[in-house]
Amino acid sequence: MKKQTALWIVFAIAIAGMLFSGYLSYGEIFAKSCYATKLGLGACNQVFQLPACIYGFVMYTIILVISIFGLRSKSRN
């Protein structure tokens, strides 16, 4: 597999992860509801007084930014 193809796959997974964890984060913070239990994913957990899905959202955002940098640098060469 080419590096460019792998970066596009990572980019797509990061977008999907951001959408899903963003949906769960919205439910936890703004709607004051636990969407995870409604989706059958288990209980809503908190880590350091923040919902765990927020950490997932931040992680996927970092992965998205890194993949964008990789795609941009690859296209210049």
PDB file of N, CA and C in Angstrom:
ATOM      1  N   MET A   1       0.856  -1.182   0.000  1.00  0.00           N
ATOM      2  CA  MET A   1       0.000   0.000   0.000  1.00  0.00           C
ATOM      3  C   MET A   1       0.898   1.241   0.000  1.00  0.00           C
ATOM      4  N   LYS A   2       0.514   2.197  -0.813  1.00  0.00           N
ATOM      5  CA  LYS A   2       1.272   3.436  -0.888  1.00  0.00           C
ATOM      6  C   LYS A   2       1.009   4.294   0.351  1.00  0.00           C
ATOM      7  N   LYS A   3       1.982   5.127   0.680  1.00  0.00           N
ATOM      8  CA  LYS A   3       1.837   6.001   1.846  1.00  0.00           C
ATOM      9  C   LYS A   3       0.685   6.978   1.661  1.00  0.00           C
ATOM     10  N   GLN A   4       0.491   7.454   0.458  1.00  0.00           N
ATOM     11  CA  GLN A   4      -0.592   8.395   0.173  1.00  0.00           C
ATOM     12  C   GLN A   4      -1.952   7.748   0.433  1.00  0.00           C
ATOM     13  N   THR A   5      -2.112   6.500   0.031  1.00  0.00           N
ATOM     14  CA  THR A   5      -3.365   5.780   0.251  1.00  0.00           C
ATOM     15  C   THR A   5      -3.598   5.565   1.743  1.00  0.00           C
ATOM     16  N   ALA A   6      -2.537   5.198   2.456  1.00  0.00           N
ATOM     17  CA  ALA A   6      -2.653   4.989   3.904  1.00  0.00           C
ATOM     18  C   ALA A   6      -3.042   6.283   4.613  1.00  0.00           C
ATOM     19  N   LEU A   7      -2.487   7.398   4.183  1.00  0.00           N
ATOM     20  CA  LEU A   7      -2.839   8.689   4.788  1.00  0.00           C
ATOM     21  C   LEU A   7      -4.298   9.037   4.532  1.00  0.00           C
ATOM     22  N   TRP A   8      -4.801   8.727   3.352  1.00  0.00           N
ATOM     23  CA  TRP A   8      -6.215   8.996   3.051  1.00  0.00           C
ATOM     24  C   TRP A   8      -7.132   8.120   3.903  1.00  0.00           C
ATOM     25  N   ILE A   9      -6.718   6.872   4.147  1.00  0.00           N
ATOM     26  CA  ILE A   9      -7.511   5.987   5.002  1.00  0.00           C
ATOM     27  C   ILE A   9      -7.529   6.495   6.429  1.00  0.00           C
ATOM     28  N   VAL A  10      -6.370   6.921   6.931  1.00  0.00           N
ATOM     29  CA  VAL A  10      -6.293   7.486   8.286  1.00  0.00           C
ATOM     30  C   VAL A  10      -7.133   8.758   8.378  1.00  0.00           C
ATOM     31  N   PHE A  11      -7.093   9.576   7.333  1.00  0.00           N
ATOM     32  CA  PHE A  11      -7.892  10.793   7.282  1.00  0.00           C
ATOM     33  C   PHE A  11      -9.388  10.469   7.386  1.00  0.00           C
ATOM     34  N   ALA A  12      -9.851   9.476   6.629  1.00  0.00           N
ATOM     35  CA  ALA A  12     -11.271   9.100   6.635  1.00  0.00           C
ATOM     36  C   ALA A  12     -11.686   8.537   8.000  1.00  0.00           C
ATOM     37  N   ILE A  13     -10.835   7.718   8.602  1.00  0.00           N
ATOM     38  CA  ILE A  13     -11.146   7.165   9.924  1.00  0.00           C
ATOM     39  C   ILE A  13     -11.194   8.282  10.970  1.00  0.00           C
ATOM     40  N   ALA A  14     -10.296   9.247  10.856  1.00  0.00           N
ATOM     41  CA  ALA A  14     -10.294  10.367  11.798  1.00  0.00           C
ATOM     42  C   ALA A  14     -11.568  11.205  11.672  1.00  0.00           C
ATOM     43  N   ILE A  15     -12.034  11.417  10.455  1.00  0.00           N
ATOM     44  CA  ILE A  15     -13.288  12.159  10.248  1.00  0.00           C
ATOM     45  C   ILE A  15     -14.449  11.396  10.882  1.00  0.00           C
ATOM     46  N   ALA A  16     -14.513  10.083  10.629  1.00  0.00           N
ATOM     47  CA  ALA A  16     -15.594   9.275  11.199  1.00  0.00           C
ATOM     48  C   ALA A  16     -15.526   9.275  12.727  1.00  0.00           C
ATOM     49  N   GLY A  17     -14.341   9.160  13.276  1.00  0.00           N
ATOM     50  CA  GLY A  17     -14.177   9.182  14.726  1.00  0.00           C
ATOM     51  C   GLY A  17     -14.562  10.515  15.333  1.00  0.00           C
ATOM     52  N   MET A  18     -14.210  11.600  14.648  1.00  0.00           N
ATOM     53  CA  MET A  18     -14.586  12.928  15.137  1.00  0.00           C
ATOM     54  C   MET A  18     -16.098  13.110  15.120  1.00  0.00           C
ATOM     55  N   LEU A  19     -16.744  12.633  14.074  1.00  0.00           N
ATOM     56  CA  LEU A  19     -18.202  12.765  13.999  1.00  0.00           C
ATOM     57  C   LEU A  19     -18.881  11.979  15.119  1.00  0.00           C
ATOM     58  N   PHE A  20     -18.435  10.750  15.348  1.00  0.00           N
ATOM     59  CA  PHE A  20     -19.062   9.914  16.367  1.00  0.00           C
ATOM     60  C   PHE A  20     -18.778  10.439  17.772  1.00  0.00           C
ATOM     61  N   SER A  21     -17.518  10.734  18.070  1.00  0.00           N
ATOM     62  CA  SER A  21     -17.204  11.227  19.411  1.00  0.00           C
ATOM     63  C   SER A  21     -17.750  12.639  19.617  1.00  0.00           C
ATOM     64  N   GLY A  22     -17.847  13.416  18.554  1.00  0.00           N
ATOM     65  CA  GLY A  22     -18.460  14.739  18.665  1.00  0.00           C
ATOM     66  C   GLY A  22     -19.941  14.650  18.987  1.00  0.00           C
ATOM     67  N   TYR A  23     -20.609  13.678  18.380  1.00  0.00           N
ATOM     68  CA  TYR A  23     -22.026  13.440  18.672  1.00  0.00           C
ATOM     69  C   TYR A  23     -22.207  13.056  20.143  1.00  0.00           C
ATOM     70  N   LEU A  24     -21.386  12.141  20.621  1.00  0.00           N
ATOM     71  CA  LEU A  24     -21.471  11.727  22.019  1.00  0.00           C
ATOM     72  C   LEU A  24     -21.108  12.870  22.965  1.00  0.00           C
ATOM     73  N   SER A  25     -20.094  13.655  22.597  1.00  0.00           N
ATOM     74  CA  SER A  25     -19.690  14.790  23.432  1.00  0.00           C
ATOM     75  C   SER A  25     -20.795  15.838  23.517  1.00  0.00           C
ATOM     76  N   TYR A  26     -21.448  16.101  22.396  1.00  0.00           N
ATOM     77  CA  TYR A  26     -22.552  17.047  22.391  1.00  0.00           C
ATOM     78  C   TYR A  26     -23.639  16.596  23.360  1.00  0.00           C
ATOM     79  N   GLY A  27     -23.968  15.324  23.317  1.00  0.00           N
ATOM     80  CA  GLY A  27     -24.994  14.798  24.212  1.00  0.00           C
ATOM     81  C   GLY A  27     -24.611  14.921  25.671  1.00  0.00           C
ATOM     82  N   GLU A  28     -23.349  14.693  25.962  1.00  0.00           N
ATOM     83  CA  GLU A  28     -22.877  14.768  27.349  1.00  0.00           C
ATOM     84  C   GLU A  28     -22.845  16.208  27.867  1.00  0.00           C
ATOM     85  N   ILE A  29     -22.389  17.133  27.044  1.00  0.00           N
ATOM     86  CA  ILE A  29     -22.160  18.502  27.519  1.00  0.00           C
ATOM     87  C   ILE A  29     -23.405  19.372  27.384  1.00  0.00           C
ATOM     88  N   PHE A  30     -23.985  19.424  26.205  1.00  0.00           N
ATOM     89  CA  PHE A  30     -25.053  20.383  25.959  1.00  0.00           C
ATOM     90  C   PHE A  30     -26.451  19.820  26.220  1.00  0.00           C
ATOM     91  N   ALA A  31     -26.676  18.576  25.834  1.00  0.00           N
ATOM     92  CA  ALA A  31     -28.004  18.002  26.018  1.00  0.00           C
ATOM     93  C   ALA A  31     -28.171  17.387  27.409  1.00  0.00           C
ATOM     94  N   LYS A  32     -27.079  17.291  28.151  1.00  0.00           N
ATOM     95  CA  LYS A  32     -27.090  16.716  29.510  1.00  0.00           C
ATOM     96  C   LYS A  32     -27.726  15.327  29.513  1.00  0.00           C
ATOM     97  N   SER A  33     -27.411  14.558  28.480  1.00  0.00           N
ATOM     98  CA  SER A  33     -27.946  13.222  28.341  1.00  0.00           C
ATOM     99  C   SER A  33     -26.812  12.297  27.932  1.00  0.00           C
ATOM    100  N   CYS A  34     -26.909  11.054  28.313  1.00  0.00           N
ATOM    101  CA  CYS A  34     -25.882  10.075  27.973  1.00  0.00           C
ATOM    102  C   CYS A  34     -26.326   9.311  26.730  1.00  0.00           C
ATOM    103  N   TYR A  35     -25.826   9.727  25.564  1.00  0.00           N
ATOM    104  CA  TYR A  35     -26.191   9.070  24.324  1.00  0.00           C
ATOM    105  C   TYR A  35     -25.594   7.676  24.233  1.00  0.00           C
ATOM    106  N   ALA A  36     -24.507   7.422  24.940  1.00  0.00           N
ATOM    107  CA  ALA A  36     -23.848   6.115  24.865  1.00  0.00           C
ATOM    108  C   ALA A  36     -24.762   5.006  25.360  1.00  0.00           C
ATOM    109  N   THR A  37     -25.518   5.266  26.429  1.00  0.00           N
ATOM    110  CA  THR A  37     -26.420   4.231  26.926  1.00  0.00           C
ATOM    111  C   THR A  37     -27.592   4.037  25.975  1.00  0.00           C
ATOM    112  N   LYS A  38     -28.020   5.104  25.304  1.00  0.00           N
ATOM    113  CA  LYS A  38     -29.112   4.979  24.338  1.00  0.00           C
ATOM    114  C   LYS A  38     -28.683   4.179  23.109  1.00  0.00           C
ATOM    115  N   LEU A  39     -27.388   4.251  22.782  1.00  0.00           N
ATOM    116  CA  LEU A  39     -26.867   3.510  21.636  1.00  0.00           C
ATOM    117  C   LEU A  39     -26.429   2.099  22.019  1.00  0.00           C
ATOM    118  N   GLY A  40     -26.515   1.754  23.292  1.00  0.00           N
ATOM    119  CA  GLY A  40     -26.120   0.428  23.746  1.00  0.00           C
ATOM    120  C   GLY A  40     -24.622   0.259  23.883  1.00  0.00           C
ATOM    121  N   LEU A  41     -23.905   1.353  24.135  1.00  0.00           N
ATOM    122  CA  LEU A  41     -22.448   1.296  24.235  1.00  0.00           C
ATOM    123  C   LEU A  41     -21.948   1.159  25.669  1.00  0.00           C
ATOM    124  N   GLY A  42     -22.832   1.130  26.621  1.00  0.00           N
ATOM    125  CA  GLY A  42     -22.420   1.015  28.015  1.00  0.00           C
ATOM    126  C   GLY A  42     -22.669   2.304  28.766  1.00  0.00           C
ATOM    127  N   ALA A  43     -22.096   2.382  29.936  1.00  0.00           N
ATOM    128  CA  ALA A  43     -22.303   3.546  30.792  1.00  0.00           C
ATOM    129  C   ALA A  43     -21.432   4.722  30.350  1.00  0.00           C
ATOM    130  N   CYS A  44     -21.860   5.910  30.710  1.00  0.00           N
ATOM    131  CA  CYS A  44     -21.075   7.108  30.434  1.00  0.00           C
ATOM    132  C   CYS A  44     -20.032   7.260  31.533  1.00  0.00           C
ATOM    133  N   ASN A  45     -18.776   7.267  31.136  1.00  0.00           N
ATOM    134  CA  ASN A  45     -17.689   7.368  32.103  1.00  0.00           C
ATOM    135  C   ASN A  45     -17.090   8.752  32.077  1.00  0.00           C
ATOM    136  N   GLN A  46     -16.484   9.116  33.199  1.00  0.00           N
ATOM    137  CA  GLN A  46     -15.793  10.392  33.296  1.00  0.00           C
ATOM    138  C   GLN A  46     -14.355  10.147  33.711  1.00  0.00           C
ATOM    139  N   VAL A  47     -13.460  10.943  33.126  1.00  0.00           N
ATOM    140  CA  VAL A  47     -12.043  10.892  33.455  1.00  0.00           C
ATOM    141  C   VAL A  47     -11.623  12.313  33.794  1.00  0.00           C
ATOM    142  N   PHE A  48     -11.126  12.519  34.984  1.00  0.00           N
ATOM    143  CA  PHE A  48     -10.738  13.859  35.461  1.00  0.00           C
ATOM    144  C   PHE A  48     -11.875  14.867  35.298  1.00  0.00           C
ATOM    145  N   GLN A  49     -13.050  14.476  35.685  1.00  0.00           N
ATOM    146  CA  GLN A  49     -14.255  15.310  35.700  1.00  0.00           C
ATOM    147  C   GLN A  49     -14.762  15.700  34.311  1.00  0.00           C
ATOM    148  N   LEU A  50     -14.279  15.062  33.264  1.00  0.00           N
ATOM    149  CA  LEU A  50     -14.773  15.302  31.901  1.00  0.00           C
ATOM    150  C   LEU A  50     -15.264  13.991  31.310  1.00  0.00           C
ATOM    151  N   PRO A  51     -16.293  14.047  30.478  1.00  0.00           N
ATOM    152  CA  PRO A  51     -16.758  12.812  29.822  1.00  0.00           C
ATOM    153  C   PRO A  51     -15.643  12.208  28.966  1.00  0.00           C
ATOM    154  N   ALA A  52     -15.557  10.898  28.959  1.00  0.00           N
ATOM    155  CA  ALA A  52     -14.492  10.204  28.233  1.00  0.00           C
ATOM    156  C   ALA A  52     -14.552  10.463  26.729  1.00  0.00           C
ATOM    157  N   CYS A  53     -15.728  10.725  26.194  1.00  0.00           N
ATOM    158  CA  CYS A  53     -15.850  10.940  24.758  1.00  0.00           C
ATOM    159  C   CYS A  53     -15.142  12.221  24.303  1.00  0.00           C
ATOM    160  N   ILE A  54     -14.950  13.163  25.198  1.00  0.00           N
ATOM    161  CA  ILE A  54     -14.226  14.393  24.843  1.00  0.00           C
ATOM    162  C   ILE A  54     -12.773  14.072  24.529  1.00  0.00           C
ATOM    163  N   TYR A  55     -12.180  13.156  25.297  1.00  0.00           N
ATOM    164  CA  TYR A  55     -10.801  12.765  25.030  1.00  0.00           C
ATOM    165  C   TYR A  55     -10.690  12.062  23.680  1.00  0.00           C
ATOM    166  N   GLY A  56     -11.696  11.292  23.327  1.00  0.00           N
ATOM    167  CA  GLY A  56     -11.724  10.671  22.004  1.00  0.00           C
ATOM    168  C   GLY A  56     -11.804  11.705  20.901  1.00  0.00           C
ATOM    169  N   PHE A  57     -12.620  12.733  21.112  1.00  0.00           N
ATOM    170  CA  PHE A  57     -12.748  13.796  20.120  1.00  0.00           C
ATOM    171  C   PHE A  57     -11.416  14.525  19.924  1.00  0.00           C
ATOM    172  N   VAL A  58     -10.749  14.825  21.025  1.00  0.00           N
ATOM    173  CA  VAL A  58      -9.444  15.505  20.944  1.00  0.00           C
ATOM    174  C   VAL A  58      -8.428  14.609  20.240  1.00  0.00           C
ATOM    175  N   MET A  59      -8.412  13.324  20.566  1.00  0.00           N
ATOM    176  CA  MET A  59      -7.475  12.391  19.939  1.00  0.00           C
ATOM    177  C   MET A  59      -7.703  12.314  18.430  1.00  0.00           C
ATOM    178  N   TYR A  60      -8.959  12.181  18.015  1.00  0.00           N
ATOM    179  CA  TYR A  60      -9.240  12.103  16.580  1.00  0.00           C
ATOM    180  C   TYR A  60      -8.931  13.419  15.876  1.00  0.00           C
ATOM    181  N   THR A  61      -9.097  14.535  16.558  1.00  0.00           N
ATOM    182  CA  THR A  61      -8.729  15.825  15.964  1.00  0.00           C
ATOM    183  C   THR A  61      -7.231  15.901  15.728  1.00  0.00           C
ATOM    184  N   ILE A  62      -6.440  15.441  16.686  1.00  0.00           N
ATOM    185  CA  ILE A  62      -4.984  15.434  16.533  1.00  0.00           C
ATOM    186  C   ILE A  62      -4.576  14.522  15.380  1.00  0.00           C
ATOM    187  N   ILE A  63      -5.193  13.352  15.292  1.00  0.00           N
ATOM    188  CA  ILE A  63      -4.887  12.425  14.199  1.00  0.00           C
ATOM    189  C   ILE A  63      -5.263  13.040  12.856  1.00  0.00           C
ATOM    190  N   LEU A  64      -6.383  13.753  12.802  1.00  0.00           N
ATOM    191  CA  LEU A  64      -6.800  14.412  11.564  1.00  0.00           C
ATOM    192  C   LEU A  64      -5.779  15.463  11.139  1.00  0.00           C
ATOM    193  N   VAL A  65      -5.332  16.275  12.071  1.00  0.00           N
ATOM    194  CA  VAL A  65      -4.356  17.331  11.756  1.00  0.00           C
ATOM    195  C   VAL A  65      -3.045  16.716  11.267  1.00  0.00           C
ATOM    196  N   ILE A  66      -2.591  15.655  11.925  1.00  0.00           N
ATOM    197  CA  ILE A  66      -1.352  15.002  11.505  1.00  0.00           C
ATOM    198  C   ILE A  66      -1.501  14.412  10.107  1.00  0.00           C
ATOM    199  N   SER A  67      -2.641  13.800   9.816  1.00  0.00           N
ATOM    200  CA  SER A  67      -2.838  13.236   8.476  1.00  0.00           C
ATOM    201  C   SER A  67      -2.911  14.338   7.416  1.00  0.00           C
ATOM    202  N   ILE A  68      -3.487  15.470   7.760  1.00  0.00           N
ATOM    203  CA  ILE A  68      -3.520  16.588   6.807  1.00  0.00           C
ATOM    204  C   ILE A  68      -2.114  17.088   6.520  1.00  0.00           C
ATOM    205  N   PHE A  69      -1.284  17.220   7.559  1.00  0.00           N
ATOM    206  CA  PHE A  69       0.105  17.621   7.338  1.00  0.00           C
ATOM    207  C   PHE A  69       0.843  16.610   6.465  1.00  0.00           C
ATOM    208  N   GLY A  70       0.583  15.324   6.700  1.00  0.00           N
ATOM    209  CA  GLY A  70       1.213  14.295   5.875  1.00  0.00           C
ATOM    210  C   GLY A  70       0.759  14.349   4.434  1.00  0.00           C
ATOM    211  N   LEU A  71      -0.512  14.580   4.198  1.00  0.00           N
ATOM    212  CA  LEU A  71      -1.027  14.676   2.832  1.00  0.00           C
ATOM    213  C   LEU A  71      -0.496  15.919   2.123  1.00  0.00           C
ATOM    214  N   ARG A  72      -0.392  17.014   2.856  1.00  0.00           N
ATOM    215  CA  ARG A  72       0.096  18.253   2.239  1.00  0.00           C
ATOM    216  C   ARG A  72       1.574  18.144   1.899  1.00  0.00           C
ATOM    217  N   SER A  73       2.361  17.567   2.793  1.00  0.00           N
ATOM    218  CA  SER A  73       3.794  17.460   2.519  1.00  0.00           C
ATOM    219  C   SER A  73       4.070  16.461   1.403  1.00  0.00           C
ATOM    220  N   LYS A  74       3.234  15.441   1.310  1.00  0.00           N
ATOM    221  CA  LYS A  74       3.402  14.427   0.278  1.00  0.00           C
ATOM    222  C   LYS A  74       3.089  14.997  -1.104  1.00  0.00           C
ATOM    223  N   SER A  75       2.096  15.883  -1.164  1.00  0.00           N
ATOM    224  CA  SER A  75       1.696  16.429  -2.455  1.00  0.00           C
ATOM    225  C   SER A  75       2.725  17.429  -2.984  1.00  0.00           C
ATOM    226  N   ARG A  76       3.553  18.002  -2.136  1.00  0.00           N
ATOM    227  CA  ARG A  76       4.558  18.969  -2.565  1.00  0.00           C
ATOM    228  C   ARG A  76       5.782  18.276  -3.173  1.00  0.00           C
ATOM    229  N   ASN A  77       6.011  17.029  -2.793  1.00  0.00           N
ATOM    230  CA  ASN A  77       7.199  16.321  -3.301  1.00  0.00           C
ATOM    231  C   ASN A  77       6.958  15.719  -4.653  1.00  0.00           C
TER     232      ASN A  77
END
